[in-house]
Amino acid sequence: MVKDVFSFALVTAGLLSLLIGFWGIHVTATIVGHFSDSTALFWNVILFAALISAGGIAIGYVVGKRHA
């Protein structure tokens, strides 16, 4: 039971990370013309890309544990 709850929580966190990451990349891409500080934009993209990769790793971990 605890294993199932942990897996569900990990998949939920992974999906939220993916959604927030892709949404953040989209928002960052839309403000490129309005915001000229390239350093801030660079770190925004790095942050959201890290969220996307963390979400993918979390979901991959759960799927791997279920089918291994």
PDB file of N, CA and C in Angstrom:
ATOM      1  N   MET A   1       0.823  -1.194   0.000  1.00  0.00           N
ATOM      2  CA  MET A   1       0.000   0.000   0.000  1.00  0.00           C
ATOM      3  C   MET A   1       0.871   1.263   0.000  1.00  0.00           C
ATOM      4  N   VAL A   2       1.883   1.290   0.869  1.00  0.00           N
ATOM      5  CA  VAL A   2       2.773   2.453   0.925  1.00  0.00           C
ATOM      6  C   VAL A   2       3.537   2.592  -0.381  1.00  0.00           C
ATOM      7  N   LYS A   3       3.917   1.458  -0.982  1.00  0.00           N
ATOM      8  CA  LYS A   3       4.615   1.491  -2.272  1.00  0.00           C
ATOM      9  C   LYS A   3       3.747   2.134  -3.348  1.00  0.00           C
ATOM     10  N   ASP A   4       2.446   1.793  -3.350  1.00  0.00           N
ATOM     11  CA  ASP A   4       1.542   2.355  -4.351  1.00  0.00           C
ATOM     12  C   ASP A   4       1.350   3.854  -4.155  1.00  0.00           C
ATOM     13  N   VAL A   5       1.245   4.285  -2.906  1.00  0.00           N
ATOM     14  CA  VAL A   5       1.087   5.718  -2.619  1.00  0.00           C
ATOM     15  C   VAL A   5       2.345   6.473  -3.028  1.00  0.00           C
ATOM     16  N   PHE A   6       3.510   5.917  -2.730  1.00  0.00           N
ATOM     17  CA  PHE A   6       4.763   6.554  -3.113  1.00  0.00           C
ATOM     18  C   PHE A   6       4.879   6.652  -4.636  1.00  0.00           C
ATOM     19  N   SER A   7       4.513   5.587  -5.332  1.00  0.00           N
ATOM     20  CA  SER A   7       4.574   5.598  -6.791  1.00  0.00           C
ATOM     21  C   SER A   7       3.614   6.636  -7.365  1.00  0.00           C
ATOM     22  N   PHE A   8       2.411   6.690  -6.816  1.00  0.00           N
ATOM     23  CA  PHE A   8       1.430   7.677  -7.286  1.00  0.00           C
ATOM     24  C   PHE A   8       1.933   9.098  -7.038  1.00  0.00           C
ATOM     25  N   ALA A   9       2.495   9.333  -5.851  1.00  0.00           N
ATOM     26  CA  ALA A   9       3.016  10.663  -5.537  1.00  0.00           C
ATOM     27  C   ALA A   9       4.180  11.033  -6.448  1.00  0.00           C
ATOM     28  N   LEU A  10       5.040  10.063  -6.743  1.00  0.00           N
ATOM     29  CA  LEU A  10       6.185  10.333  -7.596  1.00  0.00           C
ATOM     30  C   LEU A  10       5.755  10.621  -9.035  1.00  0.00           C
ATOM     31  N   VAL A  11       4.782   9.884  -9.531  1.00  0.00           N
ATOM     32  CA  VAL A  11       4.278  10.144 -10.881  1.00  0.00           C
ATOM     33  C   VAL A  11       3.576  11.496 -10.932  1.00  0.00           C
ATOM     34  N   THR A  12       2.798  11.819  -9.908  1.00  0.00           N
ATOM     35  CA  THR A  12       2.123  13.116  -9.865  1.00  0.00           C
ATOM     36  C   THR A  12       3.135  14.257  -9.839  1.00  0.00           C
ATOM     37  N   ALA A  13       4.162  14.135  -9.013  1.00  0.00           N
ATOM     38  CA  ALA A  13       5.203  15.162  -8.967  1.00  0.00           C
ATOM     39  C   ALA A  13       5.940  15.254 -10.299  1.00  0.00           C
ATOM     40  N   GLY A  14       6.176  14.110 -10.938  1.00  0.00           N
ATOM     41  CA  GLY A  14       6.833  14.113 -12.244  1.00  0.00           C
ATOM     42  C   GLY A  14       6.011  14.808 -13.309  1.00  0.00           C
ATOM     43  N   LEU A  15       4.718  14.519 -13.321  1.00  0.00           N
ATOM     44  CA  LEU A  15       3.843  15.174 -14.305  1.00  0.00           C
ATOM     45  C   LEU A  15       3.755  16.678 -14.057  1.00  0.00           C
ATOM     46  N   LEU A  16       3.641  17.070 -12.804  1.00  0.00           N
ATOM     47  CA  LEU A  16       3.611  18.504 -12.494  1.00  0.00           C
ATOM     48  C   LEU A  16       4.915  19.187 -12.881  1.00  0.00           C
ATOM     49  N   SER A  17       6.034  18.521 -12.653  1.00  0.00           N
ATOM     50  CA  SER A  17       7.326  19.085 -13.054  1.00  0.00           C
ATOM     51  C   SER A  17       7.405  19.255 -14.563  1.00  0.00           C
ATOM     52  N   LEU A  18       6.917  18.256 -15.295  1.00  0.00           N
ATOM     53  CA  LEU A  18       6.911  18.365 -16.750  1.00  0.00           C
ATOM     54  C   LEU A  18       6.021  19.522 -17.218  1.00  0.00           C
ATOM     55  N   LEU A  19       4.828  19.617 -16.664  1.00  0.00           N
ATOM     56  CA  LEU A  19       3.906  20.687 -17.069  1.00  0.00           C
ATOM     57  C   LEU A  19       4.471  22.068 -16.741  1.00  0.00           C
ATOM     58  N   ILE A  20       4.982  22.240 -15.536  1.00  0.00           N
ATOM     59  CA  ILE A  20       5.536  23.542 -15.149  1.00  0.00           C
ATOM     60  C   ILE A  20       6.782  23.860 -15.968  1.00  0.00           C
ATOM     61  N   GLY A  21       7.597  22.863 -16.241  1.00  0.00           N
ATOM     62  CA  GLY A  21       8.802  23.087 -17.041  1.00  0.00           C
ATOM     63  C   GLY A  21       8.488  23.538 -18.456  1.00  0.00           C
ATOM     64  N   PHE A  22       7.571  22.821 -19.116  1.00  0.00           N
ATOM     65  CA  PHE A  22       7.214  23.215 -20.482  1.00  0.00           C
ATOM     66  C   PHE A  22       6.488  24.557 -20.506  1.00  0.00           C
ATOM     67  N   TRP A  23       5.639  24.809 -19.505  1.00  0.00           N
ATOM     68  CA  TRP A  23       4.952  26.098 -19.434  1.00  0.00           C
ATOM     69  C   TRP A  23       5.970  27.217 -19.226  1.00  0.00           C
ATOM     70  N   GLY A  24       6.946  27.000 -18.361  1.00  0.00           N
ATOM     71  CA  GLY A  24       7.968  28.017 -18.110  1.00  0.00           C
ATOM     72  C   GLY A  24       8.827  28.310 -19.324  1.00  0.00           C
ATOM     73  N   ILE A  25       9.182  27.267 -20.070  1.00  0.00           N
ATOM     74  CA  ILE A  25       9.944  27.479 -21.310  1.00  0.00           C
ATOM     75  C   ILE A  25       9.105  28.299 -22.290  1.00  0.00           C
ATOM     76  N   HIS A  26       7.828  28.005 -22.382  1.00  0.00           N
ATOM     77  CA  HIS A  26       6.944  28.755 -23.285  1.00  0.00           C
ATOM     78  C   HIS A  26       6.847  30.221 -22.865  1.00  0.00           C
ATOM     79  N   VAL A  27       6.663  30.474 -21.577  1.00  0.00           N
ATOM     80  CA  VAL A  27       6.569  31.853 -21.093  1.00  0.00           C
ATOM     81  C   VAL A  27       7.884  32.586 -21.313  1.00  0.00           C
ATOM     82  N   THR A  28       8.994  31.920 -21.045  1.00  0.00           N
ATOM     83  CA  THR A  28      10.306  32.539 -21.259  1.00  0.00           C
ATOM     84  C   THR A  28      10.506  32.880 -22.729  1.00  0.00           C
ATOM     85  N   ALA A  29      10.068  31.997 -23.609  1.00  0.00           N
ATOM     86  CA  ALA A  29      10.219  32.260 -25.048  1.00  0.00           C
ATOM     87  C   ALA A  29       9.354  33.429 -25.494  1.00  0.00           C
ATOM     88  N   THR A  30       8.202  33.621 -24.864  1.00  0.00           N
ATOM     89  CA  THR A  30       7.339  34.727 -25.276  1.00  0.00           C
ATOM     90  C   THR A  30       7.828  36.078 -24.770  1.00  0.00           C
ATOM     91  N   ILE A  31       8.617  36.103 -23.673  1.00  0.00           N
ATOM     92  CA  ILE A  31       9.082  37.390 -23.154  1.00  0.00           C
ATOM     93  C   ILE A  31      10.458  37.772 -23.666  1.00  0.00           C
ATOM     94  N   VAL A  32      11.015  36.978 -24.562  1.00  0.00           N
ATOM     95  CA  VAL A  32      12.353  37.287 -25.083  1.00  0.00           C
ATOM     96  C   VAL A  32      12.378  38.672 -25.713  1.00  0.00           C
ATOM     97  N   GLY A  33      11.345  39.057 -26.429  1.00  0.00           N
ATOM     98  CA  GLY A  33      11.322  40.352 -27.077  1.00  0.00           C
ATOM     99  C   GLY A  33      11.120  41.516 -26.125  1.00  0.00           C
ATOM    100  N   HIS A  34      10.574  41.254 -24.951  1.00  0.00           N
ATOM    101  CA  HIS A  34      10.261  42.323 -24.001  1.00  0.00           C
ATOM    102  C   HIS A  34      11.318  42.489 -22.918  1.00  0.00           C
ATOM    103  N   PHE A  35      12.178  41.514 -22.765  1.00  0.00           N
ATOM    104  CA  PHE A  35      13.142  41.505 -21.674  1.00  0.00           C
ATOM    105  C   PHE A  35      14.522  41.302 -22.265  1.00  0.00           C
ATOM    106  N   SER A  36      15.417  42.214 -22.020  1.00  0.00           N
ATOM    107  CA  SER A  36      16.694  42.161 -22.731  1.00  0.00           C
ATOM    108  C   SER A  36      17.831  41.529 -21.932  1.00  0.00           C
ATOM    109  N   ASP A  37      17.647  41.211 -20.666  1.00  0.00           N
ATOM    110  CA  ASP A  37      18.731  40.632 -19.869  1.00  0.00           C
ATOM    111  C   ASP A  37      18.872  39.157 -20.198  1.00  0.00           C
ATOM    112  N   SER A  38      19.869  38.836 -20.999  1.00  0.00           N
ATOM    113  CA  SER A  38      20.025  37.462 -21.472  1.00  0.00           C
ATOM    114  C   SER A  38      20.448  36.505 -20.366  1.00  0.00           C
ATOM    115  N   THR A  39      21.109  37.010 -19.312  1.00  0.00           N
ATOM    116  CA  THR A  39      21.526  36.141 -18.211  1.00  0.00           C
ATOM    117  C   THR A  39      20.316  35.584 -17.471  1.00  0.00           C
ATOM    118  N   ALA A  40      19.334  36.424 -17.194  1.00  0.00           N
ATOM    119  CA  ALA A  40      18.128  35.971 -16.500  1.00  0.00           C
ATOM    120  C   ALA A  40      17.360  34.972 -17.358  1.00  0.00           C
ATOM    121  N   LEU A  41      17.279  35.239 -18.646  1.00  0.00           N
ATOM    122  CA  LEU A  41      16.588  34.311 -19.536  1.00  0.00           C
ATOM    123  C   LEU A  41      17.313  32.972 -19.595  1.00  0.00           C
ATOM    124  N   PHE A  42      18.633  33.007 -19.608  1.00  0.00           N
ATOM    125  CA  PHE A  42      19.427  31.782 -19.624  1.00  0.00           C
ATOM    126  C   PHE A  42      19.133  30.940 -18.386  1.00  0.00           C
ATOM    127  N   TRP A  43      19.128  31.552 -17.211  1.00  0.00           N
ATOM    128  CA  TRP A  43      18.888  30.795 -15.981  1.00  0.00           C
ATOM    129  C   TRP A  43      17.448  30.326 -15.881  1.00  0.00           C
ATOM    130  N   ASN A  44      16.504  31.082 -16.440  1.00  0.00           N
ATOM    131  CA  ASN A  44      15.115  30.614 -16.498  1.00  0.00           C
ATOM    132  C   ASN A  44      15.022  29.342 -17.329  1.00  0.00           C
ATOM    133  N   VAL A  45      15.661  29.328 -18.469  1.00  0.00           N
ATOM    134  CA  VAL A  45      15.620  28.145 -19.327  1.00  0.00           C
ATOM    135  C   VAL A  45      16.294  26.967 -18.635  1.00  0.00           C
ATOM    136  N   ILE A  46      17.413  27.204 -17.961  1.00  0.00           N
ATOM    137  CA  ILE A  46      18.091  26.133 -17.231  1.00  0.00           C
ATOM    138  C   ILE A  46      17.185  25.587 -16.136  1.00  0.00           C
ATOM    139  N   LEU A  47      16.532  26.458 -15.392  1.00  0.00           N
ATOM    140  CA  LEU A  47      15.634  26.040 -14.316  1.00  0.00           C
ATOM    141  C   LEU A  47      14.496  25.178 -14.853  1.00  0.00           C
ATOM    142  N   PHE A  48      13.842  25.635 -15.903  1.00  0.00           N
ATOM    143  CA  PHE A  48      12.708  24.897 -16.431  1.00  0.00           C
ATOM    144  C   PHE A  48      13.142  23.607 -17.122  1.00  0.00           C
ATOM    145  N   ALA A  49      14.307  23.607 -17.738  1.00  0.00           N
ATOM    146  CA  ALA A  49      14.823  22.363 -18.320  1.00  0.00           C
ATOM    147  C   ALA A  49      15.144  21.354 -17.225  1.00  0.00           C
ATOM    148  N   ALA A  50      15.631  21.823 -16.087  1.00  0.00           N
ATOM    149  CA  ALA A  50      15.890  20.921 -14.959  1.00  0.00           C
ATOM    150  C   ALA A  50      14.591  20.336 -14.425  1.00  0.00           C
ATOM    151  N   LEU A  51      13.536  21.134 -14.391  1.00  0.00           N
ATOM    152  CA  LEU A  51      12.231  20.614 -13.975  1.00  0.00           C
ATOM    153  C   LEU A  51      11.736  19.547 -14.939  1.00  0.00           C
ATOM    154  N   ILE A  52      11.913  19.781 -16.219  1.00  0.00           N
ATOM    155  CA  ILE A  52      11.481  18.800 -17.216  1.00  0.00           C
ATOM    156  C   ILE A  52      12.258  17.499 -17.047  1.00  0.00           C
ATOM    157  N   SER A  53      13.568  17.605 -16.869  1.00  0.00           N
ATOM    158  CA  SER A  53      14.354  16.377 -16.733  1.00  0.00           C
ATOM    159  C   SER A  53      14.049  15.659 -15.419  1.00  0.00           C
ATOM    160  N   ALA A  54      13.825  16.395 -14.342  1.00  0.00           N
ATOM    161  CA  ALA A  54      13.478  15.757 -13.061  1.00  0.00           C
ATOM    162  C   ALA A  54      12.138  15.042 -13.165  1.00  0.00           C
ATOM    163  N   GLY A  55      11.189  15.642 -13.853  1.00  0.00           N
ATOM    164  CA  GLY A  55       9.900  14.982 -14.047  1.00  0.00           C
ATOM    165  C   GLY A  55      10.028  13.719 -14.863  1.00  0.00           C
ATOM    166  N   GLY A  56      10.823  13.767 -15.909  1.00  0.00           N
ATOM    167  CA  GLY A  56      11.038  12.575 -16.731  1.00  0.00           C
ATOM    168  C   GLY A  56      11.741  11.468 -15.975  1.00  0.00           C
ATOM    169  N   ILE A  57      12.712  11.840 -15.145  1.00  0.00           N
ATOM    170  CA  ILE A  57      13.427  10.842 -14.345  1.00  0.00           C
ATOM    171  C   ILE A  57      12.489  10.208 -13.316  1.00  0.00           C
ATOM    172  N   ALA A  58      11.655  11.023 -12.672  1.00  0.00           N
ATOM    173  CA  ALA A  58      10.733  10.492 -11.663  1.00  0.00           C
ATOM    174  C   ALA A  58       9.748   9.509 -12.282  1.00  0.00           C
ATOM    175  N   ILE A  59       9.183   9.871 -13.416  1.00  0.00           N
ATOM    176  CA  ILE A  59       8.232   8.976 -14.083  1.00  0.00           C
ATOM    177  C   ILE A  59       8.944   7.722 -14.581  1.00  0.00           C
ATOM    178  N   GLY A  60      10.139   7.878 -15.130  1.00  0.00           N
ATOM    179  CA  GLY A  60      10.903   6.725 -15.591  1.00  0.00           C
ATOM    180  C   GLY A  60      11.269   5.782 -14.459  1.00  0.00           C
ATOM    181  N   TYR A  61      11.568   6.330 -13.289  1.00  0.00           N
ATOM    182  CA  TYR A  61      11.890   5.502 -12.135  1.00  0.00           C
ATOM    183  C   TYR A  61      10.692   4.642 -11.729  1.00  0.00           C
ATOM    184  N   VAL A  62       9.523   5.254 -11.669  1.00  0.00           N
ATOM    185  CA  VAL A  62       8.320   4.499 -11.271  1.00  0.00           C
ATOM    186  C   VAL A  62       7.986   3.437 -12.299  1.00  0.00           C
ATOM    187  N   VAL A  63       8.039   3.793 -13.559  1.00  0.00           N
ATOM    188  CA  VAL A  63       7.728   2.817 -14.614  1.00  0.00           C
ATOM    189  C   VAL A  63       8.752   1.684 -14.592  1.00  0.00           C
ATOM    190  N   GLY A  64       9.998   2.010 -14.399  1.00  0.00           N
ATOM    191  CA  GLY A  64      11.040   0.983 -14.333  1.00  0.00           C
ATOM    192  C   GLY A  64      10.863   0.046 -13.149  1.00  0.00           C
ATOM    193  N   LYS A  65      10.462   0.591 -12.001  1.00  0.00           N
ATOM    194  CA  LYS A  65      10.247  -0.230 -10.825  1.00  0.00           C
ATOM    195  C   LYS A  65       9.026  -1.138 -10.995  1.00  0.00           C
ATOM    196  N   ARG A  66       8.015  -0.656 -11.677  1.00  0.00           N
ATOM    197  CA  ARG A  66       6.796  -1.452 -11.862  1.00  0.00           C
ATOM    198  C   ARG A  66       7.017  -2.618 -12.822  1.00  0.00           C
ATOM    199  N   HIS A  67       7.813  -2.398 -13.852  1.00  0.00           N
ATOM    200  CA  HIS A  67       7.972  -3.411 -14.901  1.00  0.00           C
ATOM    201  C   HIS A  67       9.275  -4.196 -14.800  1.00  0.00           C
ATOM    202  N   ALA A  68      10.027  -3.978 -13.748  1.00  0.00           N
ATOM    203  CA  ALA A  68      11.296  -4.705 -13.591  1.00  0.00           C
ATOM    204  C   ALA A  68      11.126  -5.977 -12.789  1.00  0.00           C
TER     205      ALA A  68
END
